[in-house]
Structure formats: C-alpha cells, structure tokens
PDB file of all heavy atoms in Angstrom:
ATOM      1  N   GLU A   1    -138.504 192.861  70.981  1.00  0.00           N
ATOM      2  CA  GLU A   1    -139.663 193.741  70.927  1.00  0.00           C
ATOM      3  C   GLU A   1    -140.753 193.177  71.832  1.00  0.00           C
ATOM      4  O   GLU A   1    -141.002 191.970  71.837  1.00  0.00           O
ATOM      5  CB  GLU A   1    -140.174 193.865  69.498  1.00  0.00           C
ATOM      6  CG  GLU A   1    -139.364 194.823  68.635  1.00  0.00           C
ATOM      7  CD  GLU A   1    -139.400 196.250  69.168  1.00  0.00           C
ATOM      8  OE1 GLU A   1    -140.513 196.772  69.386  1.00  0.00           O
ATOM      9  OE2 GLU A   1    -138.322 196.835  69.382  1.00  0.00           O
ATOM     10  N   PRO A   2    -141.427 194.000  72.611  1.00  0.00           N
ATOM     11  CA  PRO A   2    -142.460 193.495  73.504  1.00  0.00           C
ATOM     12  C   PRO A   2    -143.629 192.893  72.741  1.00  0.00           C
ATOM     13  O   PRO A   2    -143.974 193.357  71.647  1.00  0.00           O
ATOM     14  CB  PRO A   2    -142.892 194.734  74.291  1.00  0.00           C
ATOM     15  CG  PRO A   2    -142.463 195.896  73.460  1.00  0.00           C
ATOM     16  CD  PRO A   2    -141.238 195.459  72.730  1.00  0.00           C
ATOM     17  N   ALA A   3    -144.224 191.848  73.317  1.00  0.00           N
ATOM     18  CA  ALA A   3    -145.360 191.185  72.682  1.00  0.00           C
ATOM     19  C   ALA A   3    -146.528 192.150  72.568  1.00  0.00           C
ATOM     20  O   ALA A   3    -146.811 192.923  73.486  1.00  0.00           O
ATOM     21  CB  ALA A   3    -145.770 189.972  73.509  1.00  0.00           C
ATOM     22  N   LYS A   4    -147.196 192.102  71.407  1.00  0.00           N
ATOM     23  CA  LYS A   4    -148.407 192.898  71.201  1.00  0.00           C
ATOM     24  C   LYS A   4    -149.621 192.026  71.518  1.00  0.00           C
ATOM     25  O   LYS A   4    -149.658 190.847  71.166  1.00  0.00           O
ATOM     26  CB  LYS A   4    -148.473 193.415  69.758  1.00  0.00           C
ATOM     27  CG  LYS A   4    -147.387 194.428  69.423  1.00  0.00           C
ATOM     28  CD  LYS A   4    -147.540 194.936  67.991  1.00  0.00           C
ATOM     29  CE  LYS A   4    -146.564 196.059  67.686  1.00  0.00           C
ATOM     30  NZ  LYS A   4    -145.154 195.662  67.820  1.00  0.00           N
ATOM     31  N   PHE A   5    -150.603 192.613  72.206  1.00  0.00           N
ATOM     32  CA  PHE A   5    -151.807 191.885  72.601  1.00  0.00           C
ATOM     33  C   PHE A   5    -152.867 192.051  71.516  1.00  0.00           C
ATOM     34  O   PHE A   5    -153.232 193.175  71.164  1.00  0.00           O
ATOM     35  CB  PHE A   5    -152.337 192.398  73.936  1.00  0.00           C
ATOM     36  CG  PHE A   5    -151.362 192.278  75.079  1.00  0.00           C
ATOM     37  CD1 PHE A   5    -151.484 193.092  76.195  1.00  0.00           C
ATOM     38  CD2 PHE A   5    -150.330 191.343  75.051  1.00  0.00           C
ATOM     39  CE1 PHE A   5    -150.604 192.982  77.266  1.00  0.00           C
ATOM     40  CE2 PHE A   5    -149.431 191.232  76.108  1.00  0.00           C
ATOM     41  CZ  PHE A   5    -149.570 192.062  77.218  1.00  0.00           C
ATOM     42  N   GLN A   6    -153.354 190.934  71.014  1.00  0.00           N
ATOM     43  CA  GLN A   6    -154.286 190.998  69.887  1.00  0.00           C
ATOM     44  C   GLN A   6    -155.557 190.200  70.115  1.00  0.00           C
ATOM     45  O   GLN A   6    -156.427 190.153  69.248  1.00  0.00           O
ATOM     46  CB  GLN A   6    -153.583 190.507  68.613  1.00  0.00           C
ATOM     47  CG  GLN A   6    -152.369 191.359  68.255  1.00  0.00           C
ATOM     48  CD  GLN A   6    -151.589 190.809  67.061  1.00  0.00           C
ATOM     49  OE1 GLN A   6    -151.602 189.607  66.812  1.00  0.00           O
ATOM     50  NE2 GLN A   6    -150.908 191.687  66.340  1.00  0.00           N
ATOM     51  N   GLN A   7    -155.674 189.555  71.302  1.00  0.00           N
ATOM     52  CA  GLN A   7    -156.858 188.748  71.602  1.00  0.00           C
ATOM     53  C   GLN A   7    -157.806 189.552  72.470  1.00  0.00           C
ATOM     54  O   GLN A   7    -157.633 189.652  73.688  1.00  0.00           O
ATOM     55  CB  GLN A   7    -156.447 187.460  72.308  1.00  0.00           C
ATOM     56  CG  GLN A   7    -155.498 186.592  71.491  1.00  0.00           C
ATOM     57  CD  GLN A   7    -154.926 185.446  72.311  1.00  0.00           C
ATOM     58  OE1 GLN A   7    -155.396 185.131  73.393  1.00  0.00           O
ATOM     59  NE2 GLN A   7    -153.876 184.826  71.790  1.00  0.00           N
ATOM     60  N   GLY A   8    -158.804 190.158  71.828  1.00  0.00           N
ATOM     61  CA  GLY A   8    -159.744 190.975  72.566  1.00  0.00           C
ATOM     62  C   GLY A   8    -159.043 192.138  73.240  1.00  0.00           C
ATOM     63  O   GLY A   8    -158.147 192.770  72.673  1.00  0.00           O
ATOM     64  N   SER A   9    -159.401 192.408  74.483  1.00  0.00           N
ATOM     65  CA  SER A   9    -158.786 193.512  75.212  1.00  0.00           C
ATOM     66  C   SER A   9    -157.301 193.283  75.439  1.00  0.00           C
ATOM     67  O   SER A   9    -156.529 194.234  75.601  1.00  0.00           O
ATOM     68  CB  SER A   9    -159.483 193.684  76.563  1.00  0.00           C
ATOM     69  OG  SER A   9    -159.278 192.523  77.366  1.00  0.00           O
ATOM     70  N   GLY A  10    -156.912 192.006  75.504  1.00  0.00           N
ATOM     71  CA  GLY A  10    -155.529 191.669  75.841  1.00  0.00           C
ATOM     72  C   GLY A  10    -155.373 191.253  77.291  1.00  0.00           C
ATOM     73  O   GLY A  10    -154.251 190.989  77.753  1.00  0.00           O
ATOM     74  N   ARG A  11    -156.493 191.170  78.033  1.00  0.00           N
ATOM     75  CA  ARG A  11    -156.393 190.791  79.448  1.00  0.00           C
ATOM     76  C   ARG A  11    -155.756 189.420  79.638  1.00  0.00           C
ATOM     77  O   ARG A  11    -154.920 189.217  80.521  1.00  0.00           O
ATOM     78  CB  ARG A  11    -157.784 190.797  80.094  1.00  0.00           C
ATOM     79  CG  ARG A  11    -158.273 192.161  80.509  1.00  0.00           C
ATOM     80  CD  ARG A  11    -159.581 192.036  81.286  1.00  0.00           C
ATOM     81  NE  ARG A  11    -160.688 191.629  80.461  1.00  0.00           N
ATOM     82  CZ  ARG A  11    -161.525 190.618  80.727  1.00  0.00           C
ATOM     83  NH1 ARG A  11    -161.326 189.889  81.814  1.00  0.00           N
ATOM     84  NH2 ARG A  11    -162.520 190.327  79.915  1.00  0.00           N
ATOM     85  N   ALA A  12    -156.169 188.462  78.821  1.00  0.00           N
ATOM     86  CA  ALA A  12    -155.622 187.111  78.960  1.00  0.00           C
ATOM     87  C   ALA A  12    -154.132 187.092  78.635  1.00  0.00           C
ATOM     88  O   ALA A  12    -153.330 186.429  79.314  1.00  0.00           O
ATOM     89  CB  ALA A  12    -156.373 186.134  78.065  1.00  0.00           C
ATOM     90  N   GLU A  13    -153.743 187.813  77.603  1.00  0.00           N
ATOM     91  CA  GLU A  13    -152.330 187.862  77.237  1.00  0.00           C
ATOM     92  C   GLU A  13    -151.511 188.580  78.307  1.00  0.00           C
ATOM     93  O   GLU A  13    -150.387 188.169  78.631  1.00  0.00           O
ATOM     94  CB  GLU A  13    -152.182 188.569  75.880  1.00  0.00           C
ATOM     95  CG  GLU A  13    -152.787 187.779  74.728  1.00  0.00           C
ATOM     96  CD  GLU A  13    -153.105 188.662  73.529  1.00  0.00           C
ATOM     97  OE1 GLU A  13    -154.059 189.464  73.622  1.00  0.00           O
ATOM     98  OE2 GLU A  13    -152.386 188.562  72.516  1.00  0.00           O
ATOM     99  N   LEU A  14    -152.080 189.636  78.892  1.00  0.00           N
ATOM    100  CA  LEU A  14    -151.411 190.328  79.986  1.00  0.00           C
ATOM    101  C   LEU A  14    -151.221 189.389  81.172  1.00  0.00           C
ATOM    102  O   LEU A  14    -150.130 189.320  81.766  1.00  0.00           O
ATOM    103  CB  LEU A  14    -152.233 191.548  80.414  1.00  0.00           C
ATOM    104  CG  LEU A  14    -151.728 192.305  81.648  1.00  0.00           C
ATOM    105  CD1 LEU A  14    -150.332 192.873  81.409  1.00  0.00           C
ATOM    106  CD2 LEU A  14    -152.710 193.419  82.034  1.00  0.00           C
ATOM    107  N   ALA A  15    -152.265 188.639  81.508  1.00  0.00           N
ATOM    108  CA  ALA A  15    -152.179 187.701  82.630  1.00  0.00           C
ATOM    109  C   ALA A  15    -151.093 186.664  82.389  1.00  0.00           C
ATOM    110  O   ALA A  15    -150.325 186.323  83.307  1.00  0.00           O
ATOM    111  CB  ALA A  15    -153.535 187.020  82.839  1.00  0.00           C
ATOM    112  N   ARG A  16    -150.996 186.159  81.166  1.00  0.00           N
ATOM    113  CA  ARG A  16    -149.998 185.121  80.872  1.00  0.00           C
ATOM    114  C   ARG A  16    -148.584 185.692  80.870  1.00  0.00           C
ATOM    115  O   ARG A  16    -147.626 184.992  81.209  1.00  0.00           O
ATOM    116  CB  ARG A  16    -150.334 184.467  79.531  1.00  0.00           C
ATOM    117  CG  ARG A  16    -151.610 183.607  79.601  1.00  0.00           C
ATOM    118  CD  ARG A  16    -151.770 182.751  78.364  1.00  0.00           C
ATOM    119  NE  ARG A  16    -152.933 181.892  78.456  1.00  0.00           N
ATOM    120  CZ  ARG A  16    -154.077 182.076  77.781  1.00  0.00           C
ATOM    121  NH1 ARG A  16    -154.200 183.120  76.961  1.00  0.00           N
ATOM    122  NH2 ARG A  16    -155.088 181.252  77.922  1.00  0.00           N
ATOM    123  N   GLN A  17    -148.423 186.937  80.478  1.00  0.00           N
ATOM    124  CA  GLN A  17    -147.101 187.548  80.558  1.00  0.00           C
ATOM    125  C   GLN A  17    -146.689 187.720  82.019  1.00  0.00           C
ATOM    126  O   GLN A  17    -145.525 187.502  82.381  1.00  0.00           O
ATOM    127  CB  GLN A  17    -147.105 188.914  79.855  1.00  0.00           C
ATOM    128  CG  GLN A  17    -147.198 188.845  78.338  1.00  0.00           C
ATOM    129  CD  GLN A  17    -145.925 188.334  77.691  1.00  0.00           C
ATOM    130  OE1 GLN A  17    -144.872 188.274  78.319  1.00  0.00           O
ATOM    131  NE2 GLN A  17    -146.009 187.945  76.430  1.00  0.00           N
ATOM    132  N   ILE A  18    -147.648 188.097  82.855  1.00  0.00           N
ATOM    133  CA  ILE A  18    -147.349 188.277  84.273  1.00  0.00           C
ATOM    134  C   ILE A  18    -146.938 186.956  84.913  1.00  0.00           C
ATOM    135  O   ILE A  18    -146.020 186.902  85.739  1.00  0.00           O
ATOM    136  CB  ILE A  18    -148.562 188.891  85.008  1.00  0.00           C
ATOM    137  CG1 ILE A  18    -148.757 190.344  84.569  1.00  0.00           C
ATOM    138  CG2 ILE A  18    -148.395 188.816  86.526  1.00  0.00           C
ATOM    139  CD1 ILE A  18    -150.026 190.994  85.102  1.00  0.00           C
ATOM    140  N   THR A  19    -147.605 185.870  84.540  1.00  0.00           N
ATOM    141  CA  THR A  19    -147.346 184.566  85.157  1.00  0.00           C
ATOM    142  C   THR A  19    -146.331 183.718  84.412  1.00  0.00           C
ATOM    143  O   THR A  19    -146.039 182.594  84.828  1.00  0.00           O
ATOM    144  CB  THR A  19    -148.657 183.772  85.283  1.00  0.00           C
ATOM    145  OG1 THR A  19    -149.229 183.577  83.971  1.00  0.00           O
ATOM    146  CG2 THR A  19    -149.656 184.492  86.162  1.00  0.00           C
ATOM    147  N   ASP A  20    -145.771 184.241  83.351  1.00  0.00           N
ATOM    148  CA  ASP A  20    -144.745 183.501  82.604  1.00  0.00           C
ATOM    149  C   ASP A  20    -143.543 183.268  83.528  1.00  0.00           C
ATOM    150  O   ASP A  20    -143.022 184.209  84.117  1.00  0.00           O
ATOM    151  CB  ASP A  20    -144.315 184.319  81.388  1.00  0.00           C
ATOM    152  CG  ASP A  20    -143.401 183.542  80.443  1.00  0.00           C
ATOM    153  OD1 ASP A  20    -142.643 182.662  80.918  1.00  0.00           O
ATOM    154  OD2 ASP A  20    -143.429 183.816  79.228  1.00  0.00           O
ATOM    155  N   PRO A  21    -143.094 182.008  83.674  1.00  0.00           N
ATOM    156  CA  PRO A  21    -141.927 181.749  84.532  1.00  0.00           C
ATOM    157  C   PRO A  21    -140.691 182.543  84.137  1.00  0.00           C
ATOM    158  O   PRO A  21    -139.793 182.741  84.974  1.00  0.00           O
ATOM    159  CB  PRO A  21    -141.698 180.243  84.357  1.00  0.00           C
ATOM    160  CG  PRO A  21    -143.042 179.698  83.986  1.00  0.00           C
ATOM    161  CD  PRO A  21    -143.677 180.767  83.137  1.00  0.00           C
ATOM    162  N   ALA A  22    -140.644 183.007  82.889  1.00  0.00           N
ATOM    163  CA  ALA A  22    -139.501 183.813  82.459  1.00  0.00           C
ATOM    164  C   ALA A  22    -139.578 185.243  82.995  1.00  0.00           C
ATOM    165  O   ALA A  22    -138.584 185.978  82.954  1.00  0.00           O
ATOM    166  CB  ALA A  22    -139.429 183.842  80.931  1.00  0.00           C
ATOM    167  N   ASN A  23    -140.733 185.644  83.494  1.00  0.00           N
ATOM    168  CA  ASN A  23    -140.879 186.971  84.091  1.00  0.00           C
ATOM    169  C   ASN A  23    -140.125 186.982  85.421  1.00  0.00           C
ATOM    170  O   ASN A  23    -140.441 186.215  86.328  1.00  0.00           O
ATOM    171  CB  ASN A  23    -142.367 187.267  84.301  1.00  0.00           C
ATOM    172  CG  ASN A  23    -142.626 188.607  84.956  1.00  0.00           C
ATOM    173  OD1 ASN A  23    -141.719 189.279  85.437  1.00  0.00           O
ATOM    174  ND2 ASN A  23    -143.884 188.989  84.987  1.00  0.00           N
ATOM    175  N   PRO A  24    -139.132 187.839  85.581  1.00  0.00           N
ATOM    176  CA  PRO A  24    -138.292 187.784  86.789  1.00  0.00           C
ATOM    177  C   PRO A  24    -138.941 188.369  88.040  1.00  0.00           C
ATOM    178  O   PRO A  24    -138.372 188.269  89.129  1.00  0.00           O
ATOM    179  CB  PRO A  24    -137.072 188.615  86.390  1.00  0.00           C
ATOM    180  CG  PRO A  24    -137.611 189.612  85.406  1.00  0.00           C
ATOM    181  CD  PRO A  24    -138.664 188.876  84.631  1.00  0.00           C
ATOM    182  N   LEU A  25    -140.112 188.979  87.907  1.00  0.00           N
ATOM    183  CA  LEU A  25    -140.673 189.730  89.022  1.00  0.00           C
ATOM    184  C   LEU A  25    -141.748 188.999  89.823  1.00  0.00           C
ATOM    185  O   LEU A  25    -141.752 189.034  91.061  1.00  0.00           O
ATOM    186  CB  LEU A  25    -141.258 191.054  88.507  1.00  0.00           C
ATOM    187  CG  LEU A  25    -140.234 192.086  88.024  1.00  0.00           C
ATOM    188  CD1 LEU A  25    -140.932 193.230  87.300  1.00  0.00           C
ATOM    189  CD2 LEU A  25    -139.432 192.619  89.186  1.00  0.00           C
ATOM    190  N   THR A  26    -142.691 188.345  89.143  1.00  0.00           N
ATOM    191  CA  THR A  26    -143.919 187.891  89.800  1.00  0.00           C
ATOM    192  C   THR A  26    -143.658 186.977  90.988  1.00  0.00           C
ATOM    193  O   THR A  26    -144.196 187.182  92.077  1.00  0.00           O
ATOM    194  CB  THR A  26    -144.834 187.197  88.778  1.00  0.00           C
ATOM    195  OG1 THR A  26    -145.071 188.102  87.685  1.00  0.00           O
ATOM    196  CG2 THR A  26    -146.152 186.809  89.406  1.00  0.00           C
ATOM    197  N   ALA A  27    -142.851 185.951  90.806  1.00  0.00           N
ATOM    198  CA  ALA A  27    -142.589 185.015  91.898  1.00  0.00           C
ATOM    199  C   ALA A  27    -141.827 185.701  93.027  1.00  0.00           C
ATOM    200  O   ALA A  27    -142.126 185.502  94.209  1.00  0.00           O
ATOM    201  CB  ALA A  27    -141.805 183.808  91.391  1.00  0.00           C
ATOM    202  N   ARG A  28    -140.845 186.519  92.673  1.00  0.00           N
ATOM    203  CA  ARG A  28    -140.068 187.235  93.697  1.00  0.00           C
ATOM    204  C   ARG A  28    -140.988 188.120  94.559  1.00  0.00           C
ATOM    205  O   ARG A  28    -140.867 188.166  95.776  1.00  0.00           O
ATOM    206  CB  ARG A  28    -139.015 188.124  93.035  1.00  0.00           C
ATOM    207  CG  ARG A  28    -137.701 187.448  92.689  1.00  0.00           C
ATOM    208  CD  ARG A  28    -136.704 188.534  92.338  1.00  0.00           C
ATOM    209  NE  ARG A  28    -135.404 188.019  91.930  1.00  0.00           N
ATOM    210  CZ  ARG A  28    -134.843 188.235  90.745  1.00  0.00           C
ATOM    211  NH1 ARG A  28    -135.495 188.933  89.820  1.00  0.00           N
ATOM    212  NH2 ARG A  28    -133.647 187.769  90.459  1.00  0.00           N
ATOM    213  N   VAL A  29    -141.878 188.840  93.889  1.00  0.00           N
ATOM    214  CA  VAL A  29    -142.749 189.776  94.610  1.00  0.00           C
ATOM    215  C   VAL A  29    -143.635 189.031  95.605  1.00  0.00           C
ATOM    216  O   VAL A  29    -143.773 189.446  96.763  1.00  0.00           O
ATOM    217  CB  VAL A  29    -143.605 190.584  93.611  1.00  0.00           C
ATOM    218  CG1 VAL A  29    -144.717 191.346  94.330  1.00  0.00           C
ATOM    219  CG2 VAL A  29    -142.725 191.559  92.830  1.00  0.00           C
ATOM    220  N   MET A  30    -144.207 187.906  95.189  1.00  0.00           N
ATOM    221  CA  MET A  30    -145.108 187.190  96.093  1.00  0.00           C
ATOM    222  C   MET A  30    -144.347 186.488  97.213  1.00  0.00           C
ATOM    223  O   MET A  30    -144.794 186.486  98.365  1.00  0.00           O
ATOM    224  CB  MET A  30    -145.963 186.179  95.325  1.00  0.00           C
ATOM    225  CG  MET A  30    -147.102 185.608  96.157  1.00  0.00           C
ATOM    226  SD  MET A  30    -148.164 186.925  96.822  1.00  0.00           S
ATOM    227  CE  MET A  30    -149.315 185.980  97.817  1.00  0.00           C
ATOM    228  N   VAL A  31    -143.219 185.903  96.905  1.00  0.00           N
ATOM    229  CA  VAL A  31    -142.397 185.274  97.952  1.00  0.00           C
ATOM    230  C   VAL A  31    -142.009 186.320  98.994  1.00  0.00           C
ATOM    231  O   VAL A  31    -142.042 186.052 100.208  1.00  0.00           O
ATOM    232  CB  VAL A  31    -141.138 184.627  97.333  1.00  0.00           C
ATOM    233  CG1 VAL A  31    -140.100 184.325  98.411  1.00  0.00           C
ATOM    234  CG2 VAL A  31    -141.516 183.341  96.592  1.00  0.00           C
ATOM    235  N   ASN A  32    -141.671 187.504  98.543  1.00  0.00           N
ATOM    236  CA  ASN A  32    -141.289 188.576  99.463  1.00  0.00           C
ATOM    237  C   ASN A  32    -142.460 188.974 100.369  1.00  0.00           C
ATOM    238  O   ASN A  32    -142.282 189.258 101.555  1.00  0.00           O
ATOM    239  CB  ASN A  32    -140.809 189.784  98.657  1.00  0.00           C
ATOM    240  CG  ASN A  32    -140.150 190.845  99.514  1.00  0.00           C
ATOM    241  OD1 ASN A  32    -139.236 190.567 100.281  1.00  0.00           O
ATOM    242  ND2 ASN A  32    -140.618 192.084  99.382  1.00  0.00           N
ATOM    243  N   ARG A  33    -143.665 188.977  99.820  1.00  0.00           N
ATOM    244  CA  ARG A  33    -144.851 189.312 100.632  1.00  0.00           C
ATOM    245  C   ARG A  33    -145.103 188.225 101.678  1.00  0.00           C
ATOM    246  O   ARG A  33    -145.461 188.527 102.828  1.00  0.00           O
ATOM    247  CB  ARG A  33    -146.078 189.469  99.737  1.00  0.00           C
ATOM    248  CG  ARG A  33    -146.018 190.628  98.747  1.00  0.00           C
ATOM    249  CD  ARG A  33    -147.392 190.917  98.151  1.00  0.00           C
ATOM    250  NE  ARG A  33    -147.322 191.732  96.952  1.00  0.00           N
ATOM    251  CZ  ARG A  33    -147.133 193.047  96.933  1.00  0.00           C
ATOM    252  NH1 ARG A  33    -146.958 193.697  98.077  1.00  0.00           N
ATOM    253  NH2 ARG A  33    -147.108 193.726  95.800  1.00  0.00           N
ATOM    254  N   VAL A  34    -144.958 186.983 101.295  1.00  0.00           N
ATOM    255  CA  VAL A  34    -145.173 185.884 102.242  1.00  0.00           C
ATOM    256  C   VAL A  34    -144.114 185.928 103.344  1.00  0.00           C
ATOM    257  O   VAL A  34    -144.422 185.708 104.527  1.00  0.00           O
ATOM    258  CB  VAL A  34    -145.155 184.529 101.511  1.00  0.00           C
ATOM    259  CG1 VAL A  34    -145.159 183.369 102.498  1.00  0.00           C
ATOM    260  CG2 VAL A  34    -146.363 184.428 100.568  1.00  0.00           C
ATOM    261  N   TRP A  35    -142.874 186.208 102.980  1.00  0.00           N
ATOM    262  CA  TRP A  35    -141.816 186.326 103.986  1.00  0.00           C
ATOM    263  C   TRP A  35    -142.164 187.433 104.986  1.00  0.00           C
ATOM    264  O   TRP A  35    -142.019 187.274 106.194  1.00  0.00           O
ATOM    265  CB  TRP A  35    -140.476 186.622 103.308  1.00  0.00           C
ATOM    266  CG  TRP A  35    -139.321 186.584 104.256  1.00  0.00           C
ATOM    267  CD1 TRP A  35    -138.903 187.586 105.089  1.00  0.00           C
ATOM    268  CD2 TRP A  35    -138.453 185.472 104.509  1.00  0.00           C
ATOM    269  NE1 TRP A  35    -137.826 187.178 105.834  1.00  0.00           N
ATOM    270  CE2 TRP A  35    -137.528 185.880 105.505  1.00  0.00           C
ATOM    271  CE3 TRP A  35    -138.358 184.183 103.989  1.00  0.00           C
ATOM    272  CZ2 TRP A  35    -136.528 185.040 105.983  1.00  0.00           C
ATOM    273  CZ3 TRP A  35    -137.361 183.338 104.474  1.00  0.00           C
ATOM    274  CH2 TRP A  35    -136.459 183.767 105.446  1.00  0.00           C
ATOM    275  N   ASP A  36    -142.641 188.548 104.489  1.00  0.00           N
ATOM    276  CA  ASP A  36    -143.045 189.665 105.342  1.00  0.00           C
ATOM    277  C   ASP A  36    -144.149 189.240 106.310  1.00  0.00           C
ATOM    278  O   ASP A  36    -144.115 189.568 107.506  1.00  0.00           O
ATOM    279  CB  ASP A  36    -143.539 190.815 104.459  1.00  0.00           C
ATOM    280  CG  ASP A  36    -143.845 192.086 105.234  1.00  0.00           C
ATOM    281  OD1 ASP A  36    -143.334 192.241 106.356  1.00  0.00           O
ATOM    282  OD2 ASP A  36    -144.599 192.916 104.717  1.00  0.00           O
ATOM    283  N   LEU A  37    -145.124 188.484 105.813  1.00  0.00           N
ATOM    284  CA  LEU A  37    -146.234 188.021 106.636  1.00  0.00           C
ATOM    285  C   LEU A  37    -145.750 187.162 107.793  1.00  0.00           C
ATOM    286  O   LEU A  37    -146.226 187.302 108.927  1.00  0.00           O
ATOM    287  CB  LEU A  37    -147.209 187.217 105.764  1.00  0.00           C
ATOM    288  CG  LEU A  37    -148.336 186.479 106.478  1.00  0.00           C
ATOM    289  CD1 LEU A  37    -149.323 187.466 107.075  1.00  0.00           C
ATOM    290  CD2 LEU A  37    -149.040 185.532 105.523  1.00  0.00           C
ATOM    291  N   LEU A  38    -144.787 186.289 107.539  1.00  0.00           N
ATOM    292  CA  LEU A  38    -144.357 185.321 108.544  1.00  0.00           C
ATOM    293  C   LEU A  38    -143.225 185.822 109.436  1.00  0.00           C
ATOM    294  O   LEU A  38    -143.084 185.358 110.573  1.00  0.00           O
ATOM    295  CB  LEU A  38    -143.940 184.018 107.863  1.00  0.00           C
ATOM    296  CG  LEU A  38    -145.058 183.273 107.124  1.00  0.00           C
ATOM    297  CD1 LEU A  38    -144.505 182.043 106.420  1.00  0.00           C
ATOM    298  CD2 LEU A  38    -146.180 182.880 108.073  1.00  0.00           C
ATOM    299  N   PHE A  39    -142.407 186.739 108.944  1.00  0.00           N
ATOM    300  CA  PHE A  39    -141.254 187.187 109.714  1.00  0.00           C
ATOM    301  C   PHE A  39    -141.358 188.646 110.177  1.00  0.00           C
ATOM    302  O   PHE A  39    -140.498 189.130 110.896  1.00  0.00           O
ATOM    303  CB  PHE A  39    -139.962 186.988 108.920  1.00  0.00           C
ATOM    304  CG  PHE A  39    -139.609 185.542 108.715  1.00  0.00           C
ATOM    305  CD1 PHE A  39    -140.048 184.852 107.593  1.00  0.00           C
ATOM    306  CD2 PHE A  39    -138.863 184.855 109.661  1.00  0.00           C
ATOM    307  CE1 PHE A  39    -139.743 183.505 107.409  1.00  0.00           C
ATOM    308  CE2 PHE A  39    -138.549 183.517 109.482  1.00  0.00           C
ATOM    309  CZ  PHE A  39    -138.989 182.838 108.357  1.00  0.00           C
ATOM    310  N   GLY A  40    -142.410 189.333 109.735  1.00  0.00           N
ATOM    311  CA  GLY A  40    -142.608 190.713 110.181  1.00  0.00           C
ATOM    312  C   GLY A  40    -141.681 191.707 109.532  1.00  0.00           C
ATOM    313  O   GLY A  40    -141.663 192.889 109.900  1.00  0.00           O
ATOM    314  N   LYS A  41    -140.936 191.261 108.535  1.00  0.00           N
ATOM    315  CA  LYS A  41    -139.977 192.132 107.853  1.00  0.00           C
ATOM    316  C   LYS A  41    -139.641 191.483 106.517  1.00  0.00           C
ATOM    317  O   LYS A  41    -139.137 190.363 106.487  1.00  0.00           O
ATOM    318  CB  LYS A  41    -138.713 192.283 108.705  1.00  0.00           C
ATOM    319  CG  LYS A  41    -137.777 193.385 108.287  1.00  0.00           C
ATOM    320  CD  LYS A  41    -136.658 193.511 109.321  1.00  0.00           C
ATOM    321  CE  LYS A  41    -135.771 194.699 109.042  1.00  0.00           C
ATOM    322  NZ  LYS A  41    -134.704 194.849 110.062  1.00  0.00           N
ATOM    323  N   PRO A  42    -139.934 192.137 105.393  1.00  0.00           N
ATOM    324  CA  PRO A  42    -139.674 191.513 104.095  1.00  0.00           C
ATOM    325  C   PRO A  42    -138.194 191.460 103.766  1.00  0.00           C
ATOM    326  O   PRO A  42    -137.380 192.201 104.333  1.00  0.00           O
ATOM    327  CB  PRO A  42    -140.418 192.419 103.107  1.00  0.00           C
ATOM    328  CG  PRO A  42    -140.463 193.747 103.789  1.00  0.00           C
ATOM    329  CD  PRO A  42    -140.541 193.479 105.267  1.00  0.00           C
TER     330      PRO A  42
END
C-alpha cells in the first residue's frame, strides 16, 4: 500500500519518497538528462 503523508502538507514526505534510493526513477531520470547534455542525445 502506498505511504500516506501525515506530516503537515506532506511536502517533506513527498521529497523523501522521490529521493529514496529504492525509487527506480529519480536517479535514472537525472543521469539521462546529464547524458543528453554532454552527448547531445539522451
């Protein structure tokens, strides 16, 4: 079941879910952007 945010608005909990190393997307997305910057093609 997805985590429920209960600390204020939930912004901090949202940020930590995004940056959780178990999240399969965040690191991939940024590495892909950096590759695009340096090689002209992601």
